[in-house]
Amino acid sequence: MRKKRSKKGVFRLITLLFVMSLFMGLMIGCGNKDDNEEAERTTFTVGFDAEFPPYGYKDENGEYVGFDLDLAAEVCKRNGWTLIKQPVDWDSKDMELNSGAIDCIWNGFTLNGRESQYTWSTAYVDNSQVVVVKADSDINTLEDLKGKVVVVQADSSALAAFTGDDATEENKALCESFADLQQVSDYNSAFMNLEAGSVQAICMDLGVANYQLEQRNGFRLLDEHVSTEQYAIGFKLGNTELRDEVQNALNEMLADGTFAEIAEKWNLTDSVCLGEEGTDSAYLQDASGEKDEPFFDKLADITGQLAEGMLASLAIFVLTLVFSLPLGLIITFIRMSKSKVLQWIARIYISIMRGTPLMLQLLVVFFGPYYVFGVSVSSEYRFYAVIIGFSINYAAYFAEIYRAGIESISKGQYEAAEVLGYTKAQIFRKIIFPQMVKRVIPPVTNEVITLVKDTSLAFALAYTEMFTLAKQVAAAEASIMPLFIAGVFYYIFNFLVALIMERIEKKMQYFS
């Protein structure tokens, strides 16, 4: 009883400390925010997608450049601010903005469908969502996309054009006709998927598509457009003071011709619309915000949305263990064989698997068949590539853990078993293996717990698991709650894994 009470007390103490630290963090964050608002502004931090040319990207010199960044630099020059170019994960842009880490989102940011979520500048670019296919593709119209796999960037205007609340009925029907609508983190990944044949089309912004097609060969645009939209600068809802300072500078730039010069530099003269009629509708709207949904209703709704991602993460976890645990034992036998050639093969394999990032290995497994052998990969192969990549990676770690466990057993036991007439197979199965299992359970447990968290790396192959889905929902809801729910899921998952492994360890009388 005393032991149980002690455990409960520790748990309550940890919970109390967590709540207190969270509360203090919020208080400190609020205090910093107030201090910043009172102080005179000296810097202007622009959040942008660093892989979204020609609006914002890293050039061959390693510098962040682009049309929007040039505009921001000129705005800062006129206001006496220092420009801070802050690349952000596009899925996390709302959290960056709401936390105060960035002052605005300025990077080909579509206002259509988001009018009530931000405080907006006037629109300055007219844009369209277009479809990119391979040059030799038989897809020539939007209707031809029926039954095809289409890819978009996560939380992009293209995604909103198909699935957003303001999406047209035609686009929603078109989306339903797709074999699948997949999401990737950046357009480079999208083009790699299209080139490898795992998707048949990319939907993206016209300006970005034109830039990408200038840099790449073997692709073309469809004549039909999915939707049209306008770009504007998004500020935190209610931050009209900063918005107006930026807007005044833009208006000055339009009047003296600087805005037109920058647009001409980036070959966007035909797309800009600053100052034209109808571009100030979002700018003039009420920025007071919307009524919040009840907390528990929102919690239930978000948890329901994340359920599919939880199952995907569980599938990766279970199948990886099913394949990697026995594969690791096979690699151990090869590593400990008497053949020097086999030993070196195993060593090289283990060295590569442990010495390179798992994300890179996943990309090699998925795109390797196309780029090495010219074999197109299907969309269905994506899940198999995730399991293969995880399995061969973790097998290398398990192999070294097994080897350490086997080599920790004294040679005297082998010799005693041989004297008793045991064969080598019997010695391993009846004497060595049970002891090895007892000794390796703690390090294996550590690897299994790491695997739970590593399942989030499946996003590298555009496979939507728990954390990727949580980021997508967080972006759509403009809330950090999905990420907290995902964190709770991972913690409970790891807690159960550790508990199960501890029970197994005790059953095997590890300390006896």
Protein backbone atom coordinates (compact mmCIF):
# COMPACT_ATOMS: atom_id res chain seq x y z
CA MET A 1 0.00 0.00 0.00
CA ARG A 2 2.79 2.40 0.92
CA LYS A 3 4.49 1.73 -2.41
CA LYS A 4 1.30 2.45 -4.36
CA ARG A 5 0.72 5.66 -2.45
CA SER A 6 4.30 6.70 -3.12
CA LYS A 7 3.84 6.18 -6.85
CA LYS A 8 0.59 8.15 -6.81
CA GLY A 9 2.31 10.95 -4.93
CA VAL A 10 5.13 11.13 -7.45
CA PHE A 11 2.65 11.15 -10.32
CA ARG A 12 0.65 13.97 -8.72
CA LEU A 13 3.82 15.97 -8.09
CA ILE A 14 4.93 15.62 -11.70
CA THR A 15 1.48 16.64 -12.91
CA LEU A 16 1.46 19.68 -10.61
CA LEU A 17 4.92 20.75 -11.78
CA PHE A 18 3.87 20.39 -15.42
CA VAL A 19 0.74 22.51 -14.92
CA MET A 20 2.71 25.15 -13.00
CA SER A 21 5.42 25.34 -15.68
CA LEU A 22 2.77 25.63 -18.40
CA PHE A 23 1.01 28.42 -16.50
CA MET A 24 4.28 30.27 -15.86
CA GLY A 25 5.20 29.93 -19.53
CA LEU A 26 1.90 31.47 -20.54
CA MET A 27 2.33 34.30 -18.04
CA ILE A 28 5.87 35.00 -19.21
CA GLY A 29 4.72 34.88 -22.83
CA CYS A 30 1.96 37.40 -22.09
CA GLY A 31 4.39 39.63 -20.22
CA ASN A 32 6.86 39.62 -23.09
CA LYS A 33 4.10 40.39 -25.51
CA ASP A 34 2.98 43.45 -23.53
CA ASP A 35 6.56 44.68 -23.22
CA ASN A 36 7.09 44.32 -26.95
CA GLU A 37 3.89 46.17 -27.78
CA GLU A 38 4.86 49.11 -25.55
CA ALA A 39 8.39 49.41 -26.94
CA GLU A 40 9.04 51.21 -30.20
CA ARG A 41 9.37 48.77 -33.08
CA THR A 42 12.89 48.32 -34.44
CA THR A 43 12.57 44.98 -36.23
CA PHE A 44 10.04 43.40 -38.56
CA THR A 45 10.00 39.58 -38.67
CA VAL A 46 8.49 38.10 -41.81
CA GLY A 47 7.43 34.44 -41.77
CA PHE A 48 7.77 32.75 -45.16
CA ASP A 49 8.05 29.38 -46.86
CA ALA A 50 11.68 29.08 -47.94
CA GLU A 51 10.73 26.74 -50.80
CA PHE A 52 8.17 28.93 -52.57
CA PRO A 53 9.90 30.67 -55.50
CA PRO A 54 9.65 33.31 -56.85
CA TYR A 55 8.01 34.75 -53.70
CA GLY A 56 10.55 33.47 -51.18
CA TYR A 57 13.35 30.89 -51.42
CA LYS A 58 17.07 30.29 -50.92
CA ASP A 59 19.20 31.09 -53.97
CA GLU A 60 22.46 29.48 -55.12
CA ASN A 61 24.41 31.80 -52.81
CA GLY A 62 22.52 30.59 -49.76
CA GLU A 63 20.60 33.88 -49.42
CA TYR A 64 16.84 34.16 -48.89
CA VAL A 65 15.44 36.09 -51.82
CA GLY A 66 12.14 36.57 -53.62
CA PHE A 67 9.46 39.05 -54.68
CA ASP A 68 7.77 39.20 -51.28
CA LEU A 69 11.07 39.51 -49.43
CA ASP A 70 12.11 42.41 -51.67
CA LEU A 71 8.80 44.13 -50.89
CA ALA A 72 9.32 43.51 -47.16
CA ALA A 73 12.87 44.91 -47.34
CA GLU A 74 11.60 48.11 -48.95
CA VAL A 75 8.82 48.44 -46.35
CA CYS A 76 11.44 48.11 -43.58
CA LYS A 77 13.69 50.67 -45.24
CA ARG A 78 10.87 53.22 -45.29
CA ASN A 79 9.88 52.56 -41.67
CA GLY A 80 13.40 52.40 -40.26
CA TRP A 81 13.07 48.73 -39.26
CA THR A 82 15.52 45.87 -39.52
CA LEU A 83 14.09 43.03 -41.62
CA ILE A 84 14.30 39.55 -40.13
CA LYS A 85 13.62 36.83 -42.68
CA GLN A 86 12.21 33.86 -40.77
CA PRO A 87 11.60 30.62 -42.69
CA VAL A 88 8.70 28.69 -41.15
CA ASP A 89 7.13 25.27 -41.52
CA TRP A 90 4.01 26.15 -43.49
CA ASP A 91 1.91 23.79 -41.34
CA SER A 92 2.99 25.73 -38.24
CA LYS A 93 2.69 29.29 -39.58
CA ASP A 94 -0.39 30.10 -37.46
CA MET A 95 1.32 29.06 -34.25
CA GLU A 96 4.37 31.11 -35.22
CA LEU A 97 2.14 34.14 -35.80
CA ASN A 98 -0.07 33.78 -32.74
CA SER A 99 2.89 33.20 -30.43
CA GLY A 100 4.58 36.40 -31.62
CA ALA A 101 7.57 34.59 -33.14
CA ILE A 102 6.81 36.32 -36.44
CA ASP A 103 5.04 39.61 -37.15
CA CYS A 104 3.26 38.54 -40.32
CA ILE A 105 2.90 35.82 -42.92
CA TRP A 106 4.19 37.25 -46.20
CA ASN A 107 4.86 34.67 -48.88
CA GLY A 108 2.25 34.22 -51.58
CA PHE A 109 -0.34 33.96 -48.82
CA THR A 110 -3.89 33.51 -50.13
CA LEU A 111 -6.58 35.51 -48.37
CA ASN A 112 -9.58 33.84 -50.06
CA GLY A 113 -11.39 31.64 -47.56
CA ARG A 114 -9.26 33.00 -44.72
CA GLU A 115 -10.74 36.50 -44.51
CA SER A 116 -11.91 36.13 -40.91
CA GLN A 117 -8.79 34.34 -39.60
CA TYR A 118 -6.26 37.17 -39.97
CA THR A 119 -5.96 40.93 -40.22
CA TRP A 120 -5.11 41.54 -43.88
CA SER A 121 -3.36 44.09 -46.01
CA THR A 122 -4.98 44.87 -49.34
CA ALA A 123 -4.44 42.21 -52.00
CA TYR A 124 -1.35 42.80 -54.16
CA VAL A 125 -1.25 39.74 -56.48
CA ASP A 126 -3.91 37.98 -58.53
CA ASN A 127 -3.10 34.28 -58.76
CA SER A 128 -4.61 31.02 -59.99
CA GLN A 129 -4.35 27.38 -58.97
CA VAL A 130 -3.12 25.27 -61.87
CA VAL A 131 -2.28 21.64 -62.54
CA VAL A 132 1.18 20.38 -63.56
CA VAL A 133 1.60 16.99 -65.23
CA LYS A 134 4.39 15.15 -67.06
CA ALA A 135 4.97 16.34 -70.62
CA ASP A 136 4.00 12.92 -72.02
CA SER A 137 0.97 12.50 -69.75
CA ASP A 138 -2.43 11.69 -71.26
CA ILE A 139 -4.02 14.18 -68.84
CA ASN A 140 -5.14 17.23 -70.84
CA THR A 141 -8.17 18.54 -68.92
CA LEU A 142 -9.33 18.66 -65.32
CA GLU A 143 -11.84 15.94 -66.17
CA ASP A 144 -8.92 13.63 -67.03
CA LEU A 145 -7.81 13.78 -63.37
CA LYS A 146 -10.61 11.37 -62.47
CA GLY A 147 -9.13 8.24 -60.91
CA LYS A 148 -5.66 9.82 -60.66
CA VAL A 149 -3.47 10.57 -57.62
CA VAL A 150 -3.04 14.33 -57.17
CA VAL A 151 -0.60 15.98 -54.75
CA VAL A 152 -0.71 19.42 -53.10
CA GLN A 153 1.35 21.23 -50.47
CA ALA A 154 -0.02 20.87 -46.93
CA ASP A 155 -2.27 23.77 -45.88
CA SER A 156 -1.92 25.36 -49.31
CA SER A 157 -4.39 27.27 -51.43
CA ALA A 158 -4.57 24.28 -53.73
CA LEU A 159 -5.72 22.09 -50.85
CA ALA A 160 -8.30 24.71 -49.87
CA ALA A 161 -9.52 24.89 -53.47
CA PHE A 162 -10.48 21.22 -53.26
CA THR A 163 -11.43 20.71 -49.60
CA GLY A 164 -11.93 24.14 -48.03
CA ASP A 165 -15.24 25.51 -46.81
CA ASP A 166 -15.26 27.96 -49.73
CA ALA A 167 -14.34 25.37 -52.36
CA THR A 168 -16.75 25.30 -55.28
CA GLU A 169 -19.07 22.34 -55.76
CA GLU A 170 -17.28 21.58 -59.03
CA ASN A 171 -13.91 21.39 -57.30
CA LYS A 172 -15.29 19.28 -54.44
CA ALA A 173 -16.79 16.86 -56.97
CA LEU A 174 -13.50 16.81 -58.88
CA CYS A 175 -11.61 16.03 -55.65
CA GLU A 176 -13.97 13.16 -54.86
CA SER A 177 -13.21 11.69 -58.28
CA PHE A 178 -9.47 11.48 -57.53
CA ALA A 179 -7.99 8.13 -56.58
CA ASP A 180 -6.30 10.07 -53.77
CA LEU A 181 -5.41 13.65 -52.81
CA GLN A 182 -2.03 13.56 -51.07
CA GLN A 183 -0.15 16.27 -49.20
CA VAL A 184 3.59 16.96 -49.09
CA SER A 185 5.62 19.48 -47.13
CA ASP A 186 7.22 21.21 -50.14
CA TYR A 187 7.04 21.38 -53.93
CA ASN A 188 10.41 19.71 -54.47
CA SER A 189 8.92 16.57 -52.89
CA ALA A 190 5.84 17.01 -55.06
CA PHE A 191 7.89 17.06 -58.28
CA MET A 192 9.96 14.07 -57.13
CA ASN A 193 6.72 12.14 -56.60
CA LEU A 194 5.41 13.20 -60.02
CA GLU A 195 8.66 12.31 -61.75
CA ALA A 196 8.81 8.89 -60.03
CA GLY A 197 5.21 8.14 -61.05
CA SER A 198 3.73 7.80 -57.57
CA VAL A 199 1.38 10.71 -58.37
CA GLN A 200 0.00 11.83 -61.71
CA ALA A 201 -0.50 15.57 -61.13
CA ILE A 202 0.42 18.51 -58.88
CA CYS A 203 -1.98 21.35 -58.10
CA MET A 204 -0.15 24.56 -57.19
CA ASP A 205 0.03 28.34 -57.55
CA LEU A 206 0.50 29.65 -61.09
CA GLY A 207 3.47 31.87 -60.22
CA VAL A 208 5.29 29.02 -58.48
CA ALA A 209 4.40 26.61 -61.30
CA ASN A 210 5.85 28.95 -63.94
CA TYR A 211 9.06 29.29 -61.96
CA GLN A 212 9.37 25.52 -61.42
CA LEU A 213 8.77 24.77 -65.10
CA GLU A 214 11.54 27.20 -66.05
CA GLN A 215 13.92 25.23 -63.82
CA ARG A 216 12.75 21.73 -64.78
CA ASN A 217 12.23 19.79 -68.01
CA GLY A 218 9.59 17.22 -68.86
CA PHE A 219 6.53 18.91 -67.34
CA ARG A 220 3.66 21.05 -68.62
CA LEU A 221 0.63 23.01 -67.39
CA LEU A 222 -3.00 22.22 -68.13
CA ASP A 223 -4.88 25.05 -69.84
CA GLU A 224 -7.75 24.93 -67.35
CA HIS A 225 -7.36 26.59 -63.95
CA VAL A 226 -8.74 25.06 -60.76
CA SER A 227 -9.46 28.41 -59.08
CA THR A 228 -8.40 32.04 -58.86
CA GLU A 229 -7.29 33.85 -55.73
CA GLN A 230 -5.54 36.90 -54.32
CA TYR A 231 -2.39 37.22 -52.24
CA ALA A 232 -2.13 39.57 -49.27
CA ILE A 233 -0.06 39.96 -46.09
CA GLY A 234 -1.56 38.19 -43.07
CA PHE A 235 -1.18 39.70 -39.59
CA LYS A 236 -2.41 38.37 -36.26
CA LEU A 237 -6.14 38.97 -35.94
CA GLY A 238 -6.66 42.44 -34.46
CA ASN A 239 -3.15 43.76 -35.14
CA THR A 240 -4.38 46.65 -37.29
CA GLU A 241 -1.69 49.08 -36.09
CA LEU A 242 1.20 47.12 -37.62
CA ARG A 243 -0.89 46.25 -40.67
CA ASP A 244 -1.57 49.95 -41.35
CA GLU A 245 2.11 50.88 -41.06
CA VAL A 246 3.01 48.23 -43.63
CA GLN A 247 0.07 49.16 -45.86
CA ASN A 248 1.02 52.84 -45.88
CA ALA A 249 4.54 51.94 -47.01
CA LEU A 250 3.13 49.74 -49.78
CA ASN A 251 0.86 52.56 -50.95
CA GLU A 252 3.87 54.89 -51.10
CA MET A 253 5.79 52.30 -53.09
CA LEU A 254 2.90 51.99 -55.54
CA ALA A 255 2.69 55.76 -55.95
CA ASP A 256 6.39 56.32 -56.64
CA GLY A 257 6.81 53.28 -58.92
CA THR A 258 9.01 51.18 -56.60
CA PHE A 259 6.37 48.44 -56.36
CA ALA A 260 6.21 48.15 -60.17
CA GLU A 261 10.02 47.97 -60.39
CA ILE A 262 10.17 45.07 -57.94
CA ALA A 263 7.34 43.27 -59.77
CA GLU A 264 9.19 43.69 -63.08
CA LYS A 265 12.40 42.34 -61.53
CA TRP A 266 10.60 39.09 -60.64
CA ASN A 267 8.61 38.90 -63.89
CA LEU A 268 5.29 39.32 -62.06
CA THR A 269 4.07 42.53 -63.72
CA ASP A 270 1.02 40.79 -65.21
CA SER A 271 0.03 39.31 -61.83
CA VAL A 272 0.19 42.30 -59.45
CA CYS A 273 -3.03 44.08 -58.50
CA LEU A 274 -2.12 46.46 -55.66
CA GLY A 275 -4.40 49.49 -55.66
CA GLU A 276 -6.92 48.04 -58.11
CA GLU A 277 -10.65 48.07 -57.43
CA GLY A 278 -11.90 45.21 -55.23
CA THR A 279 -8.53 44.43 -53.64
CA ASP A 280 -9.42 45.97 -50.25
CA SER A 281 -12.41 43.84 -49.22
CA ALA A 282 -10.48 41.80 -46.64
CA TYR A 283 -8.57 44.92 -45.54
CA LEU A 284 -11.82 46.73 -44.66
CA GLN A 285 -13.53 43.86 -42.84
CA ASP A 286 -14.14 43.71 -39.08
CA ALA A 287 -11.07 42.23 -37.36
CA SER A 288 -12.71 41.49 -34.03
CA GLY A 289 -12.53 37.72 -34.50
CA GLU A 290 -15.02 34.89 -34.31
CA LYS A 291 -16.75 33.29 -31.36
CA ASP A 292 -14.75 30.39 -29.97
CA GLU A 293 -16.18 26.87 -30.09
CA PRO A 294 -16.74 25.30 -26.63
CA PHE A 295 -13.51 23.69 -25.42
CA PHE A 296 -14.77 20.11 -24.99
CA ASP A 297 -16.64 20.18 -28.29
CA LYS A 298 -13.47 21.32 -30.01
CA LEU A 299 -11.43 18.68 -28.15
CA ALA A 300 -13.80 15.90 -29.26
CA ASP A 301 -13.84 17.16 -32.84
CA ILE A 302 -10.05 17.35 -33.13
CA THR A 303 -9.55 13.96 -31.47
CA GLY A 304 -11.95 12.46 -33.99
CA GLN A 305 -9.97 13.99 -36.84
CA LEU A 306 -6.73 12.56 -35.44
CA ALA A 307 -8.08 9.02 -35.02
CA GLU A 308 -7.00 7.94 -38.50
CA GLY A 309 -3.48 9.22 -37.86
CA MET A 310 -3.30 7.28 -34.59
CA LEU A 311 -4.10 4.05 -36.45
CA ALA A 312 -1.48 4.85 -39.10
CA SER A 313 1.20 5.38 -36.43
CA LEU A 314 0.21 2.14 -34.71
CA ALA A 315 0.47 0.27 -38.01
CA ILE A 316 3.99 1.60 -38.64
CA PHE A 317 5.02 0.74 -35.06
CA VAL A 318 3.68 -2.82 -35.05
CA LEU A 319 4.84 -3.82 -38.55
CA THR A 320 8.30 -2.34 -37.99
CA LEU A 321 8.76 -4.48 -34.87
CA VAL A 322 7.38 -7.58 -36.60
CA PHE A 323 10.03 -7.33 -39.32
CA SER A 324 12.98 -5.59 -37.64
CA LEU A 325 13.28 -7.78 -34.52
CA PRO A 326 13.88 -11.07 -36.39
CA LEU A 327 15.85 -9.32 -39.15
CA GLY A 328 18.16 -7.90 -36.52
CA LEU A 329 18.87 -11.43 -35.24
CA ILE A 330 19.75 -12.60 -38.75
CA ILE A 331 22.14 -9.66 -39.17
CA THR A 332 23.70 -10.55 -35.81
CA PHE A 333 24.43 -14.08 -37.04
CA ILE A 334 26.03 -12.66 -40.20
CA ARG A 335 28.01 -10.15 -38.15
CA MET A 336 29.32 -12.94 -35.86
CA SER A 337 29.94 -15.51 -38.59
CA LYS A 338 33.41 -16.91 -39.23
CA SER A 339 33.42 -15.58 -42.80
CA LYS A 340 35.31 -12.27 -42.98
CA VAL A 341 33.38 -11.29 -46.12
CA LEU A 342 30.02 -11.74 -44.41
CA GLN A 343 31.27 -9.91 -41.34
CA TRP A 344 32.30 -6.89 -43.43
CA ILE A 345 28.99 -6.89 -45.32
CA ALA A 346 27.12 -6.79 -42.02
CA ARG A 347 29.44 -4.10 -40.63
CA ILE A 348 29.02 -1.88 -43.69
CA TYR A 349 25.23 -2.33 -43.56
CA ILE A 350 25.08 -1.46 -39.87
CA SER A 351 27.40 1.51 -40.37
CA ILE A 352 25.25 2.96 -43.15
CA MET A 353 21.96 2.42 -41.30
CA ARG A 354 23.26 3.99 -38.08
CA GLY A 355 25.33 6.70 -39.75
CA THR A 356 22.73 8.25 -42.07
CA PRO A 357 19.38 9.89 -41.21
CA LEU A 358 16.32 7.68 -41.21
CA MET A 359 14.52 10.31 -43.30
CA LEU A 360 17.16 9.99 -46.03
CA GLN A 361 16.85 6.19 -45.95
CA LEU A 362 13.08 6.46 -46.41
CA LEU A 363 13.57 8.71 -49.45
CA VAL A 364 16.09 6.27 -50.94
CA VAL A 365 13.76 3.30 -50.44
CA PHE A 366 10.83 5.11 -52.04
CA PHE A 367 12.50 7.01 -54.89
CA GLY A 368 15.45 4.64 -55.44
CA PRO A 369 13.63 2.26 -57.82
CA TYR A 370 12.90 5.15 -60.18
CA TYR A 371 16.12 7.16 -60.03
CA VAL A 372 18.43 4.10 -59.98
CA PHE A 373 16.58 1.56 -62.13
CA GLY A 374 14.03 3.72 -63.97
CA VAL A 375 11.13 1.79 -62.50
CA SER A 376 8.07 3.93 -61.78
CA VAL A 377 6.67 3.59 -58.27
CA SER A 378 2.97 3.47 -57.49
CA SER A 379 1.12 5.40 -54.82
CA GLU A 380 0.42 2.12 -52.98
CA TYR A 381 4.16 1.55 -52.66
CA ARG A 382 4.37 4.55 -50.34
CA PHE A 383 3.21 2.59 -47.27
CA TYR A 384 5.41 -0.39 -48.10
CA ALA A 385 8.41 1.95 -48.48
CA VAL A 386 7.73 3.36 -45.02
CA ILE A 387 7.69 -0.12 -43.46
CA ILE A 388 10.77 -1.27 -45.40
CA GLY A 389 12.71 1.88 -44.48
CA PHE A 390 11.85 1.68 -40.79
CA SER A 391 12.49 -2.07 -40.62
CA ILE A 392 15.95 -2.09 -42.18
CA ASN A 393 16.97 0.91 -40.07
CA TYR A 394 15.86 -0.52 -36.73
CA ALA A 395 17.17 -3.98 -37.60
CA ALA A 396 20.69 -2.53 -37.60
CA TYR A 397 20.27 -1.15 -34.07
CA PHE A 398 18.68 -4.36 -32.79
CA ALA A 399 21.51 -6.40 -34.36
CA GLU A 400 24.16 -4.58 -32.34
CA ILE A 401 22.09 -4.87 -29.17
CA TYR A 402 21.71 -8.63 -29.73
CA ARG A 403 25.43 -9.01 -30.44
CA ALA A 404 26.32 -7.23 -27.21
CA GLY A 405 23.95 -9.50 -25.29
CA ILE A 406 25.38 -12.66 -26.82
CA GLU A 407 29.00 -11.64 -26.31
CA SER A 408 28.31 -10.81 -22.65
CA ILE A 409 27.70 -14.49 -21.93
CA SER A 410 30.84 -16.31 -20.75
CA LYS A 411 32.50 -18.85 -23.02
CA GLY A 412 32.46 -21.33 -20.15
CA GLN A 413 28.76 -21.90 -20.71
CA TYR A 414 29.40 -22.87 -24.35
CA GLU A 415 32.12 -25.29 -23.29
CA ALA A 416 29.99 -26.84 -20.53
CA ALA A 417 27.09 -27.36 -22.94
CA GLU A 418 29.36 -29.01 -25.50
CA VAL A 419 30.63 -31.40 -22.80
CA LEU A 420 27.01 -32.33 -22.07
CA GLY A 421 26.50 -33.19 -25.74
CA TYR A 422 24.44 -30.22 -26.91
CA THR A 423 24.63 -29.25 -30.56
CA LYS A 424 25.42 -25.62 -31.51
CA ALA A 425 21.79 -25.00 -32.38
CA GLN A 426 20.64 -26.45 -29.05
CA ILE A 427 23.21 -24.41 -27.14
CA PHE A 428 21.97 -21.19 -28.70
CA ARG A 429 18.26 -22.00 -28.43
CA LYS A 430 18.20 -23.41 -24.90
CA ILE A 431 21.07 -21.65 -23.14
CA ILE A 432 22.36 -18.55 -24.92
CA PHE A 433 19.17 -17.09 -26.41
CA PRO A 434 17.11 -16.98 -23.16
CA GLN A 435 19.95 -15.25 -21.32
CA MET A 436 20.55 -12.87 -24.20
CA VAL A 437 16.87 -11.85 -24.20
CA LYS A 438 17.00 -11.07 -20.48
CA ARG A 439 20.06 -8.87 -20.89
CA VAL A 440 18.93 -6.90 -23.94
CA ILE A 441 15.41 -6.01 -22.80
CA PRO A 442 16.41 -2.59 -21.34
CA PRO A 443 18.23 -1.33 -24.49
CA VAL A 444 15.56 -2.85 -26.74
CA THR A 445 12.95 -0.99 -24.70
CA ASN A 446 14.77 2.27 -25.39
CA GLU A 447 14.75 1.57 -29.13
CA VAL A 448 11.06 0.64 -29.10
CA ILE A 449 10.20 3.90 -27.32
CA THR A 450 12.25 5.83 -29.87
CA LEU A 451 10.36 4.04 -32.64
CA VAL A 452 7.05 5.37 -31.30
CA LYS A 453 8.31 8.92 -31.80
CA ASP A 454 10.14 8.19 -35.05
CA THR A 455 6.89 7.15 -36.73
CA SER A 456 6.40 10.89 -37.36
CA LEU A 457 9.24 10.74 -39.92
CA ALA A 458 6.90 8.95 -42.33
CA PHE A 459 5.83 12.46 -43.43
CA ALA A 460 9.02 12.49 -45.58
CA LEU A 461 7.17 10.17 -47.98
CA ALA A 462 3.89 12.11 -47.71
CA TYR A 463 2.44 9.29 -45.61
CA THR A 464 -0.04 10.84 -43.20
CA GLU A 465 0.60 9.48 -39.71
CA MET A 466 -0.31 10.94 -36.33
CA PHE A 467 1.99 13.94 -36.08
CA THR A 468 1.65 14.97 -39.72
CA LEU A 469 -2.13 14.88 -39.41
CA ALA A 470 -1.90 16.85 -36.15
CA LYS A 471 0.11 19.59 -37.91
CA GLN A 472 -2.40 19.70 -40.76
CA VAL A 473 -5.35 19.96 -38.38
CA ALA A 474 -3.50 22.59 -36.32
CA ALA A 475 -2.99 24.65 -39.46
CA ALA A 476 -6.62 24.28 -40.52
CA GLU A 477 -7.96 25.08 -37.04
CA ALA A 478 -5.36 27.80 -36.34
CA SER A 479 -4.91 26.13 -32.96
CA ILE A 480 -2.09 24.41 -31.09
CA MET A 481 -4.54 21.96 -29.48
CA PRO A 482 -4.04 19.18 -32.09
CA LEU A 483 -0.32 19.13 -31.30
CA PHE A 484 -0.99 18.85 -27.57
CA ILE A 485 -3.41 15.98 -28.24
CA ALA A 486 -0.75 14.31 -30.39
CA GLY A 487 1.77 14.78 -27.56
CA VAL A 488 -0.61 13.13 -25.09
CA PHE A 489 -1.07 10.23 -27.54
CA TYR A 490 2.69 9.70 -27.85
CA TYR A 491 3.18 9.93 -24.11
CA ILE A 492 0.43 7.39 -23.32
CA PHE A 493 1.70 5.13 -26.10
CA ASN A 494 5.25 5.21 -24.73
CA PHE A 495 4.01 4.81 -21.15
CA LEU A 496 2.18 1.61 -22.14
CA VAL A 497 5.18 0.32 -24.08
CA ALA A 498 7.47 0.91 -21.10
CA LEU A 499 4.95 -0.74 -18.77
CA ILE A 500 4.63 -3.82 -20.96
CA MET A 501 8.39 -4.18 -21.34
CA GLU A 502 8.85 -3.80 -17.59
CA ARG A 503 6.34 -6.59 -16.98
CA ILE A 504 8.17 -8.82 -19.45
CA GLU A 505 11.47 -8.02 -17.77
CA LYS A 506 10.10 -8.95 -14.35
CA LYS A 507 8.58 -12.17 -15.64
CA MET A 508 11.94 -13.22 -16.96
CA GLN A 509 13.42 -12.56 -13.49
CA TYR A 510 16.06 -10.29 -14.93
CA PHE A 511 17.53 -9.50 -11.51
CA SER A 512 17.35 -13.01 -10.15
